[in-house]
Amino acid sequence: MPYQAGSSAQRIRIGLTGLAIAFLLVLLGSVVSRSSRDNASNAAAQAAANEPSEPLAEMGVAPGASGTTNTTNNNSTSK
């Protein structure tokens, strides 16, 4: 095969172009994967926020930690 003047430069250019395309494809795949993972974690966080924090207290089976104090007992003992 006879030596051609621009063949090695053309091969290098084609190789670098292929590497650049492969890099861009991996980058695009990473972005898509990360955005779907973020959406899944946001959905899981919203589902956890909608769940009751004390299910037994909400059903009335066990006492719950309420943020308000019982003012009826305080008023009846002070009279």
N, C-alpha and C. Protein backbone atom coordinates (compact mmCIF):
# COMPACT_ATOMS: atom_id res chain seq x y z
N MET A 1 0.85 -1.17 0.00
CA MET A 1 0.00 0.00 0.00
C MET A 1 0.90 1.24 0.00
N PRO A 2 0.72 2.07 -0.95
CA PRO A 2 1.58 3.27 -1.03
C PRO A 2 1.22 4.28 0.04
N TYR A 3 2.24 4.99 0.48
CA TYR A 3 2.05 6.02 1.52
C TYR A 3 1.38 7.24 0.91
N GLN A 4 0.30 7.69 1.59
CA GLN A 4 -0.38 8.90 1.15
C GLN A 4 -0.12 9.99 2.17
N ALA A 5 0.05 11.20 1.72
CA ALA A 5 0.50 12.30 2.58
C ALA A 5 -0.48 12.63 3.69
N GLY A 6 -1.77 12.60 3.45
CA GLY A 6 -2.74 13.04 4.47
C GLY A 6 -3.44 11.89 5.19
N SER A 7 -3.04 10.67 4.98
CA SER A 7 -3.78 9.54 5.55
C SER A 7 -3.64 9.44 7.07
N SER A 8 -2.44 9.67 7.62
CA SER A 8 -2.28 9.57 9.07
C SER A 8 -3.01 10.71 9.78
N ALA A 9 -2.97 11.90 9.21
CA ALA A 9 -3.68 13.02 9.82
C ALA A 9 -5.19 12.78 9.76
N GLN A 10 -5.65 12.18 8.68
CA GLN A 10 -7.08 11.90 8.56
C GLN A 10 -7.49 10.83 9.56
N ARG A 11 -6.69 9.83 9.77
CA ARG A 11 -7.00 8.78 10.75
C ARG A 11 -7.05 9.36 12.16
N ILE A 12 -6.12 10.23 12.46
CA ILE A 12 -6.11 10.85 13.79
C ILE A 12 -7.36 11.70 13.97
N ARG A 13 -7.72 12.45 12.94
CA ARG A 13 -8.91 13.30 13.02
C ARG A 13 -10.17 12.45 13.21
N ILE A 14 -10.28 11.34 12.49
CA ILE A 14 -11.44 10.46 12.61
C ILE A 14 -11.47 9.82 14.00
N GLY A 15 -10.31 9.42 14.49
CA GLY A 15 -10.25 8.81 15.82
C GLY A 15 -10.66 9.79 16.92
N LEU A 16 -10.16 11.02 16.84
CA LEU A 16 -10.52 12.03 17.83
C LEU A 16 -12.00 12.41 17.74
N THR A 17 -12.54 12.43 16.53
CA THR A 17 -13.96 12.70 16.36
C THR A 17 -14.80 11.58 16.99
N GLY A 18 -14.38 10.35 16.81
CA GLY A 18 -15.08 9.22 17.42
C GLY A 18 -15.03 9.28 18.93
N LEU A 19 -13.86 9.63 19.47
CA LEU A 19 -13.75 9.76 20.93
C LEU A 19 -14.64 10.89 21.46
N ALA A 20 -14.71 11.99 20.74
CA ALA A 20 -15.56 13.10 21.16
C ALA A 20 -17.03 12.70 21.13
N ILE A 21 -17.44 11.97 20.10
CA ILE A 21 -18.83 11.52 20.03
C ILE A 21 -19.14 10.54 21.16
N ALA A 22 -18.22 9.62 21.46
CA ALA A 22 -18.42 8.67 22.55
C ALA A 22 -18.52 9.42 23.89
N PHE A 23 -17.67 10.42 24.08
CA PHE A 23 -17.72 11.21 25.31
C PHE A 23 -19.06 11.93 25.45
N LEU A 24 -19.54 12.52 24.37
CA LEU A 24 -20.83 13.22 24.41
C LEU A 24 -21.99 12.26 24.68
N LEU A 25 -21.93 11.06 24.13
CA LEU A 25 -22.98 10.08 24.39
C LEU A 25 -23.00 9.65 25.86
N VAL A 26 -21.82 9.43 26.43
CA VAL A 26 -21.73 9.06 27.85
C VAL A 26 -22.22 10.21 28.72
N LEU A 27 -21.85 11.43 28.37
CA LEU A 27 -22.30 12.60 29.12
C LEU A 27 -23.82 12.73 29.06
N LEU A 28 -24.40 12.54 27.90
CA LEU A 28 -25.85 12.62 27.74
C LEU A 28 -26.54 11.52 28.55
N GLY A 29 -26.00 10.32 28.51
CA GLY A 29 -26.56 9.22 29.30
C GLY A 29 -26.49 9.50 30.79
N SER A 30 -25.43 10.11 31.24
CA SER A 30 -25.28 10.45 32.65
C SER A 30 -26.31 11.49 33.07
N VAL A 31 -26.55 12.48 32.22
CA VAL A 31 -27.54 13.51 32.53
C VAL A 31 -28.93 12.91 32.61
N VAL A 32 -29.28 12.04 31.69
CA VAL A 32 -30.60 11.41 31.69
C VAL A 32 -30.75 10.51 32.91
N SER A 33 -29.72 9.77 33.23
CA SER A 33 -29.77 8.89 34.40
C SER A 33 -29.91 9.68 35.69
N ARG A 34 -29.18 10.77 35.81
CA ARG A 34 -29.23 11.58 37.02
C ARG A 34 -30.60 12.25 37.18
N SER A 35 -31.18 12.73 36.07
CA SER A 35 -32.48 13.40 36.17
C SER A 35 -33.57 12.40 36.55
N SER A 36 -33.51 11.17 36.05
CA SER A 36 -34.50 10.18 36.43
C SER A 36 -34.31 9.75 37.88
N ARG A 37 -33.06 9.70 38.35
CA ARG A 37 -32.81 9.35 39.74
C ARG A 37 -33.31 10.45 40.68
N ASP A 38 -33.13 11.72 40.27
CA ASP A 38 -33.63 12.84 41.07
C ASP A 38 -35.14 12.83 41.14
N ASN A 39 -35.81 12.51 40.03
CA ASN A 39 -37.26 12.45 40.02
C ASN A 39 -37.75 11.32 40.93
N ALA A 40 -37.04 10.20 40.94
CA ALA A 40 -37.44 9.08 41.78
C ALA A 40 -37.25 9.42 43.26
N SER A 41 -36.17 10.10 43.59
CA SER A 41 -35.95 10.46 44.99
C SER A 41 -36.94 11.53 45.44
N ASN A 42 -37.32 12.45 44.55
CA ASN A 42 -38.33 13.44 44.89
C ASN A 42 -39.68 12.79 45.12
N ALA A 43 -40.02 11.80 44.31
CA ALA A 43 -41.28 11.08 44.49
C ALA A 43 -41.28 10.31 45.80
N ALA A 44 -40.15 9.71 46.15
CA ALA A 44 -40.06 8.97 47.41
C ALA A 44 -40.16 9.92 48.60
N ALA A 45 -39.57 11.10 48.50
CA ALA A 45 -39.65 12.08 49.58
C ALA A 45 -41.07 12.59 49.75
N GLN A 46 -41.78 12.80 48.65
CA GLN A 46 -43.16 13.25 48.74
C GLN A 46 -44.05 12.17 49.32
N ALA A 47 -43.79 10.92 48.96
CA ALA A 47 -44.58 9.82 49.51
C ALA A 47 -44.34 9.68 51.00
N ALA A 48 -43.11 9.87 51.44
CA ALA A 48 -42.80 9.78 52.86
C ALA A 48 -43.42 10.94 53.62
N ALA A 49 -43.51 12.11 52.99
CA ALA A 49 -44.11 13.26 53.66
C ALA A 49 -45.61 13.09 53.81
N ASN A 50 -46.25 12.35 52.90
CA ASN A 50 -47.69 12.15 52.96
C ASN A 50 -48.08 11.06 53.94
N GLU A 51 -47.15 10.22 54.35
CA GLU A 51 -47.46 9.15 55.29
C GLU A 51 -47.63 9.73 56.68
N PRO A 52 -48.52 9.15 57.46
CA PRO A 52 -48.70 9.65 58.83
C PRO A 52 -47.46 9.38 59.67
N SER A 53 -47.14 10.33 60.54
CA SER A 53 -45.94 10.17 61.33
C SER A 53 -46.17 9.21 62.50
N GLU A 54 -47.37 9.20 63.04
CA GLU A 54 -47.72 8.28 64.13
C GLU A 54 -49.04 7.60 63.79
N PRO A 55 -49.01 6.50 63.07
CA PRO A 55 -50.25 5.90 62.62
C PRO A 55 -51.12 5.37 63.76
N LEU A 56 -50.52 4.86 64.83
CA LEU A 56 -51.32 4.37 65.95
C LEU A 56 -52.01 5.51 66.68
N ALA A 57 -51.35 6.65 66.80
CA ALA A 57 -51.97 7.79 67.45
C ALA A 57 -53.11 8.35 66.61
N GLU A 58 -52.96 8.31 65.31
CA GLU A 58 -54.03 8.80 64.45
C GLU A 58 -55.24 7.89 64.48
N MET A 59 -55.04 6.59 64.72
CA MET A 59 -56.16 5.67 64.84
C MET A 59 -56.77 5.72 66.24
N GLY A 60 -56.08 6.34 67.18
CA GLY A 60 -56.57 6.43 68.54
C GLY A 60 -56.20 5.25 69.41
N VAL A 61 -55.29 4.41 68.96
CA VAL A 61 -54.89 3.23 69.71
C VAL A 61 -53.86 3.58 70.77
N ALA A 62 -52.93 4.48 70.44
CA ALA A 62 -51.86 4.85 71.35
C ALA A 62 -51.81 6.37 71.46
N PRO A 63 -51.34 6.89 72.59
CA PRO A 63 -51.24 8.34 72.71
C PRO A 63 -50.15 8.88 71.80
N GLY A 64 -50.38 10.03 71.25
CA GLY A 64 -49.40 10.64 70.36
C GLY A 64 -48.74 11.82 71.03
N ALA A 65 -47.63 12.24 70.50
CA ALA A 65 -46.93 13.41 71.01
C ALA A 65 -47.53 14.62 70.33
N SER A 66 -48.41 15.31 71.02
CA SER A 66 -49.05 16.47 70.42
C SER A 66 -48.27 17.72 70.80
N GLY A 67 -48.33 18.72 69.95
CA GLY A 67 -47.63 19.96 70.19
C GLY A 67 -48.41 20.88 71.12
N THR A 68 -49.69 20.64 71.31
CA THR A 68 -50.50 21.49 72.18
C THR A 68 -50.63 20.86 73.55
N THR A 69 -50.76 21.69 74.56
CA THR A 69 -50.91 21.18 75.93
C THR A 69 -52.39 20.97 76.22
N ASN A 70 -52.67 20.17 77.16
CA ASN A 70 -54.04 19.88 77.54
C ASN A 70 -54.52 21.00 78.49
N THR A 71 -55.26 21.93 77.96
CA THR A 71 -55.68 23.09 78.76
C THR A 71 -56.89 22.79 79.61
N THR A 72 -57.65 21.73 79.32
CA THR A 72 -58.83 21.43 80.13
C THR A 72 -58.43 20.94 81.52
N ASN A 73 -57.38 20.13 81.60
CA ASN A 73 -56.93 19.68 82.91
C ASN A 73 -56.31 20.81 83.70
N ASN A 74 -55.61 21.71 83.06
CA ASN A 74 -54.99 22.83 83.76
C ASN A 74 -56.03 23.80 84.30
N ASN A 75 -57.09 24.01 83.54
CA ASN A 75 -58.15 24.95 83.98
C ASN A 75 -58.99 24.36 85.11
N SER A 76 -59.25 23.07 85.08
CA SER A 76 -60.09 22.47 86.10
C SER A 76 -59.37 22.35 87.45
N THR A 77 -58.08 22.19 87.44
CA THR A 77 -57.34 22.06 88.71
C THR A 77 -57.07 23.43 89.34
N SER A 78 -57.05 24.47 88.55
CA SER A 78 -56.75 25.78 89.11
C SER A 78 -57.98 26.45 89.69
N LYS A 79 -59.19 25.98 89.44
CA LYS A 79 -60.40 26.60 89.95
C LYS A 79 -60.72 26.19 91.32
